[in-house]
Amino acid sequence: MLVTARLIVLGLLVMAGSSAELARVAGKWNVTMELSSITGHPVLTLKQNGEKLTGTYEGRYGESLLTGTVKEKDIAFSVTFVAEGMQTQGVFEGKVDGDRMGGDVSFEGAGDGTWSAVRAK
């Protein structure tokens, strides 16, 4: 019985050690964003502290702060800025795959769409 319990504990430790690794996204990213009303090419500069993301979104309306999270290969962040005299928020969600990432985006007033990014060289 004791041997069985030790094997179960050992198995749980091995499984915990092999959990998915946290994606590394710090750095500069070139984005292509396709919304129903507009196509954009903003640049993200991301800082990562564990699962926490901060950084900047630089696009048509200048540079704005962004905040978000990375959980394993999932990324989510939002940015708020003033466009055409109105404050708008963009919410990005997606997956990270090495030096590429992308997913869905929704901007208040501009609609929903998709985004993809490649790490700048």
PDB file of N, CA and C in Angstrom:
ATOM      1  N   MET A   1       0.834  -1.193   0.000  1.00  0.00           N
ATOM      2  CA  MET A   1       0.000   0.000   0.000  1.00  0.00           C
ATOM      3  C   MET A   1       0.874   1.251   0.000  1.00  0.00           C
ATOM      4  N   LEU A   2       1.930   1.264   0.830  1.00  0.00           N
ATOM      5  CA  LEU A   2       2.812   2.420   0.904  1.00  0.00           C
ATOM      6  C   LEU A   2       3.530   2.646  -0.423  1.00  0.00           C
ATOM      7  N   VAL A   3       3.944   1.555  -1.071  1.00  0.00           N
ATOM      8  CA  VAL A   3       4.608   1.666  -2.370  1.00  0.00           C
ATOM      9  C   VAL A   3       3.642   2.264  -3.401  1.00  0.00           C
ATOM     10  N   THR A   4       2.395   1.847  -3.382  1.00  0.00           N
ATOM     11  CA  THR A   4       1.396   2.377  -4.307  1.00  0.00           C
ATOM     12  C   THR A   4       1.205   3.872  -4.085  1.00  0.00           C
ATOM     13  N   ALA A   5       1.115   4.301  -2.844  1.00  0.00           N
ATOM     14  CA  ALA A   5       0.948   5.721  -2.533  1.00  0.00           C
ATOM     15  C   ALA A   5       2.145   6.528  -3.031  1.00  0.00           C
ATOM     16  N   ARG A   6       3.355   5.974  -2.841  1.00  0.00           N
ATOM     17  CA  ARG A   6       4.550   6.676  -3.321  1.00  0.00           C
ATOM     18  C   ARG A   6       4.554   6.787  -4.839  1.00  0.00           C
ATOM     19  N   LEU A   7       4.117   5.744  -5.531  1.00  0.00           N
ATOM     20  CA  LEU A   7       4.060   5.790  -6.990  1.00  0.00           C
ATOM     21  C   LEU A   7       3.037   6.822  -7.469  1.00  0.00           C
ATOM     22  N   ILE A   8       1.919   6.929  -6.774  1.00  0.00           N
ATOM     23  CA  ILE A   8       0.916   7.930  -7.148  1.00  0.00           C
ATOM     24  C   ILE A   8       1.477   9.330  -6.965  1.00  0.00           C
ATOM     25  N   VAL A   9       2.142   9.578  -5.839  1.00  0.00           N
ATOM     26  CA  VAL A   9       2.733  10.896  -5.582  1.00  0.00           C
ATOM     27  C   VAL A   9       3.798  11.200  -6.628  1.00  0.00           C
ATOM     28  N   LEU A  10       4.641  10.231  -6.926  1.00  0.00           N
ATOM     29  CA  LEU A  10       5.680  10.411  -7.942  1.00  0.00           C
ATOM     30  C   LEU A  10       5.053  10.719  -9.299  1.00  0.00           C
ATOM     31  N   GLY A  11       3.989  10.021  -9.659  1.00  0.00           N
ATOM     32  CA  GLY A  11       3.294  10.266 -10.921  1.00  0.00           C
ATOM     33  C   GLY A  11       2.723  11.673 -10.976  1.00  0.00           C
ATOM     34  N   LEU A  12       2.156  12.149  -9.879  1.00  0.00           N
ATOM     35  CA  LEU A  12       1.610  13.499  -9.834  1.00  0.00           C
ATOM     36  C   LEU A  12       2.711  14.543  -9.971  1.00  0.00           C
ATOM     37  N   LEU A  13       3.860  14.303  -9.352  1.00  0.00           N
ATOM     38  CA  LEU A  13       4.977  15.242  -9.473  1.00  0.00           C
ATOM     39  C   LEU A  13       5.494  15.303 -10.904  1.00  0.00           C
ATOM     40  N   VAL A  14       5.580  14.168 -11.572  1.00  0.00           N
ATOM     41  CA  VAL A  14       6.039  14.135 -12.962  1.00  0.00           C
ATOM     42  C   VAL A  14       5.053  14.885 -13.850  1.00  0.00           C
ATOM     43  N   MET A  15       3.748  14.676 -13.632  1.00  0.00           N
ATOM     44  CA  MET A  15       2.738  15.364 -14.423  1.00  0.00           C
ATOM     45  C   MET A  15       2.796  16.871 -14.196  1.00  0.00           C
ATOM     46  N   ALA A  16       3.013  17.294 -12.958  1.00  0.00           N
ATOM     47  CA  ALA A  16       3.080  18.727 -12.654  1.00  0.00           C
ATOM     48  C   ALA A  16       4.293  19.357 -13.319  1.00  0.00           C
ATOM     49  N   GLY A  17       5.392  18.639 -13.388  1.00  0.00           N
ATOM     50  CA  GLY A  17       6.604  19.150 -14.005  1.00  0.00           C
ATOM     51  C   GLY A  17       6.518  19.239 -15.518  1.00  0.00           C
ATOM     52  N   SER A  18       5.584  18.507 -16.117  1.00  0.00           N
ATOM     53  CA  SER A  18       5.488  18.511 -17.571  1.00  0.00           C
ATOM     54  C   SER A  18       4.334  19.378 -18.078  1.00  0.00           C
ATOM     55  N   SER A  19       3.831  20.254 -17.219  1.00  0.00           N
ATOM     56  CA  SER A  19       2.742  21.128 -17.665  1.00  0.00           C
ATOM     57  C   SER A  19       3.241  22.038 -18.784  1.00  0.00           C
ATOM     58  N   ALA A  20       2.313  22.554 -19.558  1.00  0.00           N
ATOM     59  CA  ALA A  20       2.675  23.387 -20.702  1.00  0.00           C
ATOM     60  C   ALA A  20       3.468  24.610 -20.250  1.00  0.00           C
ATOM     61  N   GLU A  21       4.435  24.968 -21.049  1.00  0.00           N
ATOM     62  CA  GLU A  21       5.309  26.097 -20.733  1.00  0.00           C
ATOM     63  C   GLU A  21       4.644  27.415 -21.103  1.00  0.00           C
ATOM     64  N   LEU A  22       4.914  28.432 -20.320  1.00  0.00           N
ATOM     65  CA  LEU A  22       4.394  29.777 -20.558  1.00  0.00           C
ATOM     66  C   LEU A  22       5.062  30.372 -21.794  1.00  0.00           C
ATOM     67  N   ALA A  23       4.258  30.847 -22.739  1.00  0.00           N
ATOM     68  CA  ALA A  23       4.790  31.480 -23.951  1.00  0.00           C
ATOM     69  C   ALA A  23       5.590  32.725 -23.575  1.00  0.00           C
ATOM     70  N   ARG A  24       6.645  32.988 -24.296  1.00  0.00           N
ATOM     71  CA  ARG A  24       7.478  34.174 -24.095  1.00  0.00           C
ATOM     72  C   ARG A  24       7.145  35.175 -25.185  1.00  0.00           C
ATOM     73  N   VAL A  25       6.562  36.313 -24.807  1.00  0.00           N
ATOM     74  CA  VAL A  25       6.108  37.271 -25.816  1.00  0.00           C
ATOM     75  C   VAL A  25       6.743  38.649 -25.696  1.00  0.00           C
ATOM     76  N   ALA A  26       7.638  38.851 -24.749  1.00  0.00           N
ATOM     77  CA  ALA A  26       8.271  40.162 -24.591  1.00  0.00           C
ATOM     78  C   ALA A  26       8.990  40.546 -25.880  1.00  0.00           C
ATOM     79  N   GLY A  27       8.882  41.827 -26.233  1.00  0.00           N
ATOM     80  CA  GLY A  27       9.557  42.322 -27.421  1.00  0.00           C
ATOM     81  C   GLY A  27       8.605  43.024 -28.359  1.00  0.00           C
ATOM     82  N   LYS A  28       9.087  43.285 -29.567  1.00  0.00           N
ATOM     83  CA  LYS A  28       8.327  44.034 -30.571  1.00  0.00           C
ATOM     84  C   LYS A  28       7.671  43.067 -31.554  1.00  0.00           C
ATOM     85  N   TRP A  29       6.400  43.369 -31.893  1.00  0.00           N
ATOM     86  CA  TRP A  29       5.602  42.534 -32.796  1.00  0.00           C
ATOM     87  C   TRP A  29       4.952  43.404 -33.871  1.00  0.00           C
ATOM     88  N   ASN A  30       5.005  42.955 -35.117  1.00  0.00           N
ATOM     89  CA  ASN A  30       4.335  43.615 -36.231  1.00  0.00           C
ATOM     90  C   ASN A  30       2.996  42.922 -36.462  1.00  0.00           C
ATOM     91  N   VAL A  31       1.918  43.693 -36.386  1.00  0.00           N
ATOM     92  CA  VAL A  31       0.561  43.148 -36.403  1.00  0.00           C
ATOM     93  C   VAL A  31      -0.143  43.481 -37.711  1.00  0.00           C
ATOM     94  N   THR A  32      -0.968  42.554 -38.173  1.00  0.00           N
ATOM     95  CA  THR A  32      -1.935  42.805 -39.233  1.00  0.00           C
ATOM     96  C   THR A  32      -3.306  42.555 -38.619  1.00  0.00           C
ATOM     97  N   MET A  33      -4.162  43.557 -38.691  1.00  0.00           N
ATOM     98  CA  MET A  33      -5.488  43.476 -38.083  1.00  0.00           C
ATOM     99  C   MET A  33      -6.534  43.718 -39.173  1.00  0.00           C
ATOM    100  N   GLU A  34      -7.482  42.794 -39.287  1.00  0.00           N
ATOM    101  CA  GLU A  34      -8.548  42.894 -40.287  1.00  0.00           C
ATOM    102  C   GLU A  34      -9.880  43.004 -39.562  1.00  0.00           C
ATOM    103  N   LEU A  35     -10.492  44.189 -39.617  1.00  0.00           N
ATOM    104  CA  LEU A  35     -11.825  44.400 -39.065  1.00  0.00           C
ATOM    105  C   LEU A  35     -12.800  44.567 -40.223  1.00  0.00           C
ATOM    106  N   SER A  36     -14.084  44.494 -39.934  1.00  0.00           N
ATOM    107  CA  SER A  36     -15.070  44.658 -40.994  1.00  0.00           C
ATOM    108  C   SER A  36     -14.971  46.038 -41.637  1.00  0.00           C
ATOM    109  N   SER A  37     -14.527  47.047 -40.887  1.00  0.00           N
ATOM    110  CA  SER A  37     -14.500  48.413 -41.411  1.00  0.00           C
ATOM    111  C   SER A  37     -13.108  48.946 -41.730  1.00  0.00           C
ATOM    112  N   ILE A  38     -12.050  48.236 -41.330  1.00  0.00           N
ATOM    113  CA  ILE A  38     -10.704  48.790 -41.515  1.00  0.00           C
ATOM    114  C   ILE A  38      -9.650  47.689 -41.414  1.00  0.00           C
ATOM    115  N   THR A  39      -8.535  47.915 -42.093  1.00  0.00           N
ATOM    116  CA  THR A  39      -7.353  47.062 -41.956  1.00  0.00           C
ATOM    117  C   THR A  39      -6.264  47.918 -41.338  1.00  0.00           C
ATOM    118  N   GLY A  40      -5.576  47.379 -40.338  1.00  0.00           N
ATOM    119  CA  GLY A  40      -4.520  48.136 -39.684  1.00  0.00           C
ATOM    120  C   GLY A  40      -3.250  47.331 -39.532  1.00  0.00           C
ATOM    121  N   HIS A  41      -2.151  48.059 -39.286  1.00  0.00           N
ATOM    122  CA  HIS A  41      -0.840  47.427 -39.106  1.00  0.00           C
ATOM    123  C   HIS A  41      -0.125  48.038 -37.900  1.00  0.00           C
ATOM    124  N   PRO A  42      -0.699  47.899 -36.712  1.00  0.00           N
ATOM    125  CA  PRO A  42      -0.055  48.461 -35.522  1.00  0.00           C
ATOM    126  C   PRO A  42       1.191  47.668 -35.135  1.00  0.00           C
ATOM    127  N   VAL A  43       1.988  48.276 -34.267  1.00  0.00           N
ATOM    128  CA  VAL A  43       3.171  47.621 -33.706  1.00  0.00           C
ATOM    129  C   VAL A  43       2.963  47.504 -32.200  1.00  0.00           C
ATOM    130  N   LEU A  44       3.168  46.298 -31.682  1.00  0.00           N
ATOM    131  CA  LEU A  44       3.088  46.056 -30.242  1.00  0.00           C
ATOM    132  C   LEU A  44       4.494  45.979 -29.676  1.00  0.00           C
ATOM    133  N   THR A  45       4.702  46.596 -28.542  1.00  0.00           N
ATOM    134  CA  THR A  45       5.932  46.406 -27.777  1.00  0.00           C
ATOM    135  C   THR A  45       5.489  45.874 -26.427  1.00  0.00           C
ATOM    136  N   LEU A  46       5.794  44.599 -26.178  1.00  0.00           N
ATOM    137  CA  LEU A  46       5.279  43.906 -24.996  1.00  0.00           C
ATOM    138  C   LEU A  46       6.359  43.700 -23.942  1.00  0.00           C
ATOM    139  N   LYS A  47       5.947  43.866 -22.693  1.00  0.00           N
ATOM    140  CA  LYS A  47       6.776  43.526 -21.534  1.00  0.00           C
ATOM    141  C   LYS A  47       6.031  42.437 -20.785  1.00  0.00           C
ATOM    142  N   GLN A  48       6.767  41.420 -20.329  1.00  0.00           N
ATOM    143  CA  GLN A  48       6.137  40.280 -19.679  1.00  0.00           C
ATOM    144  C   GLN A  48       6.761  40.042 -18.321  1.00  0.00           C
ATOM    145  N   ASN A  49       5.899  39.876 -17.321  1.00  0.00           N
ATOM    146  CA  ASN A  49       6.323  39.527 -15.973  1.00  0.00           C
ATOM    147  C   ASN A  49       5.476  38.322 -15.560  1.00  0.00           C
ATOM    148  N   GLY A  50       5.978  37.123 -15.825  1.00  0.00           N
ATOM    149  CA  GLY A  50       5.192  35.913 -15.603  1.00  0.00           C
ATOM    150  C   GLY A  50       4.021  35.905 -16.567  1.00  0.00           C
ATOM    151  N   GLU A  51       2.804  35.841 -16.018  1.00  0.00           N
ATOM    152  CA  GLU A  51       1.602  35.844 -16.851  1.00  0.00           C
ATOM    153  C   GLU A  51       1.103  37.255 -17.170  1.00  0.00           C
ATOM    154  N   LYS A  52       1.679  38.270 -16.545  1.00  0.00           N
ATOM    155  CA  LYS A  52       1.206  39.647 -16.709  1.00  0.00           C
ATOM    156  C   LYS A  52       1.876  40.322 -17.904  1.00  0.00           C
ATOM    157  N   LEU A  53       1.051  40.992 -18.729  1.00  0.00           N
ATOM    158  CA  LEU A  53       1.543  41.745 -19.880  1.00  0.00           C
ATOM    159  C   LEU A  53       1.283  43.230 -19.696  1.00  0.00           C
ATOM    160  N   THR A  54       2.247  44.035 -20.085  1.00  0.00           N
ATOM    161  CA  THR A  54       2.084  45.477 -20.227  1.00  0.00           C
ATOM    162  C   THR A  54       2.817  45.856 -21.497  1.00  0.00           C
ATOM    163  N   GLY A  55       2.620  47.074 -21.933  1.00  0.00           N
ATOM    164  CA  GLY A  55       3.348  47.508 -23.118  1.00  0.00           C
ATOM    165  C   GLY A  55       2.624  48.606 -23.847  1.00  0.00           C
ATOM    166  N   THR A  56       2.965  48.736 -25.139  1.00  0.00           N
ATOM    167  CA  THR A  56       2.364  49.786 -25.956  1.00  0.00           C
ATOM    168  C   THR A  56       1.835  49.212 -27.265  1.00  0.00           C
ATOM    169  N   TYR A  57       0.831  49.911 -27.756  1.00  0.00           N
ATOM    170  CA  TYR A  57       0.193  49.646 -29.044  1.00  0.00           C
ATOM    171  C   TYR A  57       0.383  50.925 -29.842  1.00  0.00           C
ATOM    172  N   GLU A  58       1.098  50.850 -30.949  1.00  0.00           N
ATOM    173  CA  GLU A  58       1.342  52.042 -31.764  1.00  0.00           C
ATOM    174  C   GLU A  58       0.684  51.845 -33.122  1.00  0.00           C
ATOM    175  N   GLY A  59      -0.300  52.687 -33.398  1.00  0.00           N
ATOM    176  CA  GLY A  59      -1.048  52.561 -34.645  1.00  0.00           C
ATOM    177  C   GLY A  59      -1.401  53.908 -35.225  1.00  0.00           C
ATOM    178  N   ARG A  60      -2.437  53.912 -36.001  1.00  0.00           N
ATOM    179  CA  ARG A  60      -2.901  55.090 -36.720  1.00  0.00           C
ATOM    180  C   ARG A  60      -3.119  56.306 -35.827  1.00  0.00           C
ATOM    181  N   TYR A  61      -3.540  56.084 -34.577  1.00  0.00           N
ATOM    182  CA  TYR A  61      -3.856  57.184 -33.665  1.00  0.00           C
ATOM    183  C   TYR A  61      -2.786  57.402 -32.603  1.00  0.00           C
ATOM    184  N   GLY A  62      -1.575  56.979 -32.871  1.00  0.00           N
ATOM    185  CA  GLY A  62      -0.470  57.189 -31.944  1.00  0.00           C
ATOM    186  C   GLY A  62      -0.222  55.987 -31.056  1.00  0.00           C
ATOM    187  N   GLU A  63       0.475  56.253 -29.973  1.00  0.00           N
ATOM    188  CA  GLU A  63       0.887  55.196 -29.049  1.00  0.00           C
ATOM    189  C   GLU A  63      -0.032  55.181 -27.832  1.00  0.00           C
ATOM    190  N   SER A  64      -0.477  53.983 -27.445  1.00  0.00           N
ATOM    191  CA  SER A  64      -1.349  53.808 -26.278  1.00  0.00           C
ATOM    192  C   SER A  64      -0.853  52.643 -25.445  1.00  0.00           C
ATOM    193  N   LEU A  65      -1.145  52.690 -24.152  1.00  0.00           N
ATOM    194  CA  LEU A  65      -0.765  51.606 -23.249  1.00  0.00           C
ATOM    195  C   LEU A  65      -1.686  50.414 -23.429  1.00  0.00           C
ATOM    196  N   LEU A  66      -1.146  49.226 -23.231  1.00  0.00           N
ATOM    197  CA  LEU A  66      -1.953  48.016 -23.243  1.00  0.00           C
ATOM    198  C   LEU A  66      -1.659  47.201 -22.002  1.00  0.00           C
ATOM    199  N   THR A  67      -2.621  46.376 -21.604  1.00  0.00           N
ATOM    200  CA  THR A  67      -2.456  45.451 -20.486  1.00  0.00           C
ATOM    201  C   THR A  67      -3.096  44.127 -20.865  1.00  0.00           C
ATOM    202  N   GLY A  68      -2.592  43.051 -20.270  1.00  0.00           N
ATOM    203  CA  GLY A  68      -3.168  41.748 -20.576  1.00  0.00           C
ATOM    204  C   GLY A  68      -2.494  40.626 -19.830  1.00  0.00           C
ATOM    205  N   THR A  69      -2.722  39.417 -20.329  1.00  0.00           N
ATOM    206  CA  THR A  69      -2.176  38.210 -19.704  1.00  0.00           C
ATOM    207  C   THR A  69      -1.726  37.212 -20.765  1.00  0.00           C
ATOM    208  N   VAL A  70      -0.816  36.347 -20.347  1.00  0.00           N
ATOM    209  CA  VAL A  70      -0.401  35.177 -21.118  1.00  0.00           C
ATOM    210  C   VAL A  70      -0.550  33.990 -20.180  1.00  0.00           C
ATOM    211  N   LYS A  71      -1.300  32.985 -20.602  1.00  0.00           N
ATOM    212  CA  LYS A  71      -1.473  31.766 -19.823  1.00  0.00           C
ATOM    213  C   LYS A  71      -1.157  30.603 -20.742  1.00  0.00           C
ATOM    214  N   GLU A  72       0.000  29.986 -20.497  1.00  0.00           N
ATOM    215  CA  GLU A  72       0.552  28.967 -21.380  1.00  0.00           C
ATOM    216  C   GLU A  72       0.677  29.546 -22.780  1.00  0.00           C
ATOM    217  N   LYS A  73      -0.109  29.109 -23.747  1.00  0.00           N
ATOM    218  CA  LYS A  73      -0.029  29.625 -25.128  1.00  0.00           C
ATOM    219  C   LYS A  73      -1.161  30.595 -25.450  1.00  0.00           C
ATOM    220  N   ASP A  74      -2.025  30.900 -24.473  1.00  0.00           N
ATOM    221  CA  ASP A  74      -3.144  31.823 -24.684  1.00  0.00           C
ATOM    222  C   ASP A  74      -2.725  33.245 -24.317  1.00  0.00           C
ATOM    223  N   ILE A  75      -3.083  34.198 -25.171  1.00  0.00           N
ATOM    224  CA  ILE A  75      -2.772  35.596 -24.914  1.00  0.00           C
ATOM    225  C   ILE A  75      -4.057  36.410 -25.008  1.00  0.00           C
ATOM    226  N   ALA A  76      -4.177  37.399 -24.135  1.00  0.00           N
ATOM    227  CA  ALA A  76      -5.323  38.311 -24.155  1.00  0.00           C
ATOM    228  C   ALA A  76      -4.823  39.672 -23.686  1.00  0.00           C
ATOM    229  N   PHE A  77      -5.208  40.724 -24.403  1.00  0.00           N
ATOM    230  CA  PHE A  77      -4.828  42.074 -23.974  1.00  0.00           C
ATOM    231  C   PHE A  77      -5.837  43.072 -24.519  1.00  0.00           C
ATOM    232  N   SER A  78      -5.835  44.252 -23.912  1.00  0.00           N
ATOM    233  CA  SER A  78      -6.726  45.316 -24.372  1.00  0.00           C
ATOM    234  C   SER A  78      -5.966  46.625 -24.434  1.00  0.00           C
ATOM    235  N   VAL A  79      -6.475  47.502 -25.280  1.00  0.00           N
ATOM    236  CA  VAL A  79      -5.886  48.819 -25.474  1.00  0.00           C
ATOM    237  C   VAL A  79      -7.033  49.814 -25.609  1.00  0.00           C
ATOM    238  N   THR A  80      -6.843  51.016 -25.057  1.00  0.00           N
ATOM    239  CA  THR A  80      -7.848  52.073 -25.163  1.00  0.00           C
ATOM    240  C   THR A  80      -7.173  53.324 -25.712  1.00  0.00           C
ATOM    241  N   PHE A  81      -7.812  53.955 -26.699  1.00  0.00           N
ATOM    242  CA  PHE A  81      -7.287  55.195 -27.244  1.00  0.00           C
ATOM    243  C   PHE A  81      -8.429  56.015 -27.845  1.00  0.00           C
ATOM    244  N   VAL A  82      -8.120  57.243 -28.234  1.00  0.00           N
ATOM    245  CA  VAL A  82      -9.106  58.125 -28.844  1.00  0.00           C
ATOM    246  C   VAL A  82      -8.925  58.073 -30.360  1.00  0.00           C
ATOM    247  N   ALA A  83     -10.030  57.754 -31.064  1.00  0.00           N
ATOM    248  CA  ALA A  83     -10.027  57.679 -32.526  1.00  0.00           C
ATOM    249  C   ALA A  83     -11.187  58.508 -33.054  1.00  0.00           C
ATOM    250  N   GLU A  84     -10.884  59.425 -33.950  1.00  0.00           N
ATOM    251  CA  GLU A  84     -11.924  60.278 -34.538  1.00  0.00           C
ATOM    252  C   GLU A  84     -12.742  60.993 -33.452  1.00  0.00           C
ATOM    253  N   GLY A  85     -12.062  61.412 -32.389  1.00  0.00           N
ATOM    254  CA  GLY A  85     -12.711  62.157 -31.317  1.00  0.00           C
ATOM    255  C   GLY A  85     -13.479  61.329 -30.301  1.00  0.00           C
ATOM    256  N   MET A  86     -13.458  60.002 -30.459  1.00  0.00           N
ATOM    257  CA  MET A  86     -14.180  59.133 -29.525  1.00  0.00           C
ATOM    258  C   MET A  86     -13.241  58.099 -28.915  1.00  0.00           C
ATOM    259  N   GLN A  87     -13.421  57.852 -27.619  1.00  0.00           N
ATOM    260  CA  GLN A  87     -12.618  56.821 -26.964  1.00  0.00           C
ATOM    261  C   GLN A  87     -13.108  55.452 -27.409  1.00  0.00           C
ATOM    262  N   THR A  88     -12.181  54.573 -27.731  1.00  0.00           N
ATOM    263  CA  THR A  88     -12.507  53.219 -28.157  1.00  0.00           C
ATOM    264  C   THR A  88     -11.583  52.224 -27.472  1.00  0.00           C
ATOM    265  N   GLN A  89     -12.080  51.021 -27.277  1.00  0.00           N
ATOM    266  CA  GLN A  89     -11.270  49.967 -26.666  1.00  0.00           C
ATOM    267  C   GLN A  89     -11.208  48.781 -27.614  1.00  0.00           C
ATOM    268  N   GLY A  90     -10.014  48.236 -27.760  1.00  0.00           N
ATOM    269  CA  GLY A  90      -9.811  47.018 -28.537  1.00  0.00           C
ATOM    270  C   GLY A  90      -9.473  45.885 -27.605  1.00  0.00           C
ATOM    271  N   VAL A  91     -10.115  44.741 -27.814  1.00  0.00           N
ATOM    272  CA  VAL A  91      -9.863  43.547 -27.011  1.00  0.00           C
ATOM    273  C   VAL A  91      -9.353  42.462 -27.945  1.00  0.00           C
ATOM    274  N   PHE A  92      -8.147  41.973 -27.654  1.00  0.00           N
ATOM    275  CA  PHE A  92      -7.479  40.961 -28.467  1.00  0.00           C
ATOM    276  C   PHE A  92      -7.386  39.652 -27.686  1.00  0.00           C
ATOM    277  N   GLU A  93      -7.687  38.537 -28.337  1.00  0.00           N
ATOM    278  CA  GLU A  93      -7.503  37.212 -27.749  1.00  0.00           C
ATOM    279  C   GLU A  93      -6.908  36.314 -28.812  1.00  0.00           C
ATOM    280  N   GLY A  94      -6.032  35.394 -28.390  1.00  0.00           N
ATOM    281  CA  GLY A  94      -5.442  34.510 -29.385  1.00  0.00           C
ATOM    282  C   GLY A  94      -4.505  33.492 -28.782  1.00  0.00           C
ATOM    283  N   LYS A  95      -3.708  32.906 -29.671  1.00  0.00           N
ATOM    284  CA  LYS A  95      -2.741  31.872 -29.325  1.00  0.00           C
ATOM    285  C   LYS A  95      -1.360  32.301 -29.788  1.00  0.00           C
ATOM    286  N   VAL A  96      -0.362  31.909 -29.013  1.00  0.00           N
ATOM    287  CA  VAL A  96       1.033  32.182 -29.338  1.00  0.00           C
ATOM    288  C   VAL A  96       1.660  30.896 -29.859  1.00  0.00           C
ATOM    289  N   ASP A  97       2.413  30.996 -30.956  1.00  0.00           N
ATOM    290  CA  ASP A  97       3.117  29.857 -31.535  1.00  0.00           C
ATOM    291  C   ASP A  97       4.522  30.319 -31.914  1.00  0.00           C
ATOM    292  N   GLY A  98       5.412  30.303 -30.924  1.00  0.00           N
ATOM    293  CA  GLY A  98       6.789  30.738 -31.166  1.00  0.00           C
ATOM    294  C   GLY A  98       6.861  32.215 -31.499  1.00  0.00           C
ATOM    295  N   ASP A  99       7.316  32.532 -32.721  1.00  0.00           N
ATOM    296  CA  ASP A  99       7.460  33.917 -33.168  1.00  0.00           C
ATOM    297  C   ASP A  99       6.244  34.413 -33.938  1.00  0.00           C
ATOM    298  N   ARG A 100       5.119  33.730 -33.771  1.00  0.00           N
ATOM    299  CA  ARG A 100       3.853  34.122 -34.402  1.00  0.00           C
ATOM    300  C   ARG A 100       2.734  34.032 -33.376  1.00  0.00           C
ATOM    301  N   MET A 101       1.732  34.862 -33.548  1.00  0.00           N
ATOM    302  CA  MET A 101       0.541  34.766 -32.708  1.00  0.00           C
ATOM    303  C   MET A 101      -0.616  35.419 -33.446  1.00  0.00           C
ATOM    304  N   GLY A 102      -1.819  35.132 -32.976  1.00  0.00           N
ATOM    305  CA  GLY A 102      -2.984  35.726 -33.607  1.00  0.00           C
ATOM    306  C   GLY A 102      -4.261  35.161 -33.049  1.00  0.00           C
ATOM    307  N   GLY A 103      -5.385  35.767 -33.485  1.00  0.00           N
ATOM    308  CA  GLY A 103      -6.681  35.324 -33.004  1.00  0.00           C
ATOM    309  C   GLY A 103      -7.768  36.306 -33.381  1.00  0.00           C
ATOM    310  N   ASP A 104      -8.675  36.545 -32.434  1.00  0.00           N
ATOM    311  CA  ASP A 104      -9.828  37.408 -32.652  1.00  0.00           C
ATOM    312  C   ASP A 104      -9.633  38.754 -31.977  1.00  0.00           C
ATOM    313  N   VAL A 105     -10.245  39.796 -32.570  1.00  0.00           N
ATOM    314  CA  VAL A 105     -10.176  41.143 -32.016  1.00  0.00           C
ATOM    315  C   VAL A 105     -11.546  41.787 -32.145  1.00  0.00           C
ATOM    316  N   SER A 106     -11.864  42.637 -31.184  1.00  0.00           N
ATOM    317  CA  SER A 106     -13.108  43.395 -31.219  1.00  0.00           C
ATOM    318  C   SER A 106     -12.812  44.832 -30.809  1.00  0.00           C
ATOM    319  N   PHE A 107     -13.186  45.780 -31.672  1.00  0.00           N
ATOM    320  CA  PHE A 107     -13.000  47.198 -31.372  1.00  0.00           C
ATOM    321  C   PHE A 107     -14.359  47.877 -31.299  1.00  0.00           C
ATOM    322  N   GLU A 108     -14.584  48.598 -30.198  1.00  0.00           N
ATOM    323  CA  GLU A 108     -15.807  49.380 -30.063  1.00  0.00           C
ATOM    324  C   GLU A 108     -15.904  50.347 -31.239  1.00  0.00           C
ATOM    325  N   GLY A 109     -17.016  50.340 -31.918  1.00  0.00           N
ATOM    326  CA  GLY A 109     -17.226  51.268 -33.014  1.00  0.00           C
ATOM    327  C   GLY A 109     -16.642  50.851 -34.341  1.00  0.00           C
ATOM    328  N   ALA A 110     -15.763  49.851 -34.355  1.00  0.00           N
ATOM    329  CA  ALA A 110     -15.146  49.416 -35.608  1.00  0.00           C
ATOM    330  C   ALA A 110     -15.455  47.955 -35.924  1.00  0.00           C
ATOM    331  N   GLY A 111     -16.048  47.227 -34.995  1.00  0.00           N
ATOM    332  CA  GLY A 111     -16.455  45.858 -35.258  1.00  0.00           C
ATOM    333  C   GLY A 111     -15.458  44.808 -34.826  1.00  0.00           C
ATOM    334  N   ASP A 112     -15.756  43.587 -35.250  1.00  0.00           N
ATOM    335  CA  ASP A 112     -14.959  42.411 -34.907  1.00  0.00           C
ATOM    336  C   ASP A 112     -14.110  41.998 -36.095  1.00  0.00           C
ATOM    337  N   GLY A 113     -13.075  41.228 -35.795  1.00  0.00           N
ATOM    338  CA  GLY A 113     -12.221  40.745 -36.863  1.00  0.00           C
ATOM    339  C   GLY A 113     -11.159  39.810 -36.339  1.00  0.00           C
ATOM    340  N   THR A 114     -10.070  39.744 -37.070  1.00  0.00           N
ATOM    341  CA  THR A 114      -8.960  38.868 -36.707  1.00  0.00           C
ATOM    342  C   THR A 114      -7.663  39.667 -36.695  1.00  0.00           C
ATOM    343  N   TRP A 115      -6.686  39.111 -36.013  1.00  0.00           N
ATOM    344  CA  TRP A 115      -5.358  39.722 -35.977  1.00  0.00           C
ATOM    345  C   TRP A 115      -4.315  38.632 -36.025  1.00  0.00           C
ATOM    346  N   SER A 116      -3.161  38.983 -36.574  1.00  0.00           N
ATOM    347  CA  SER A 116      -1.995  38.093 -36.551  1.00  0.00           C
ATOM    348  C   SER A 116      -0.759  38.973 -36.360  1.00  0.00           C
ATOM    349  N   ALA A 117       0.265  38.377 -35.789  1.00  0.00           N
ATOM    350  CA  ALA A 117       1.491  39.145 -35.517  1.00  0.00           C
ATOM    351  C   ALA A 117       2.707  38.253 -35.695  1.00  0.00           C
ATOM    352  N   VAL A 118       3.790  38.878 -36.113  1.00  0.00           N
ATOM    353  CA  VAL A 118       5.087  38.210 -36.183  1.00  0.00           C
ATOM    354  C   VAL A 118       6.080  39.019 -35.379  1.00  0.00           C
ATOM    355  N   ARG A 119       6.958  38.308 -34.696  1.00  0.00           N
ATOM    356  CA  ARG A 119       7.984  38.980 -33.895  1.00  0.00           C
ATOM    357  C   ARG A 119       8.919  39.753 -34.822  1.00  0.00           C
ATOM    358  N   ALA A 120       9.163  41.012 -34.494  1.00  0.00           N
ATOM    359  CA  ALA A 120      10.071  41.845 -35.293  1.00  0.00           C
ATOM    360  C   ALA A 120      11.500  41.313 -35.148  1.00  0.00           C
ATOM    361  N   LYS A 121      12.241  41.373 -36.222  1.00  0.00           N
ATOM    362  CA  LYS A 121      13.639  40.899 -36.216  1.00  0.00           C
ATOM    363  C   LYS A 121      14.556  41.930 -35.623  1.00  0.00           C
TER     364      LYS A 121
END
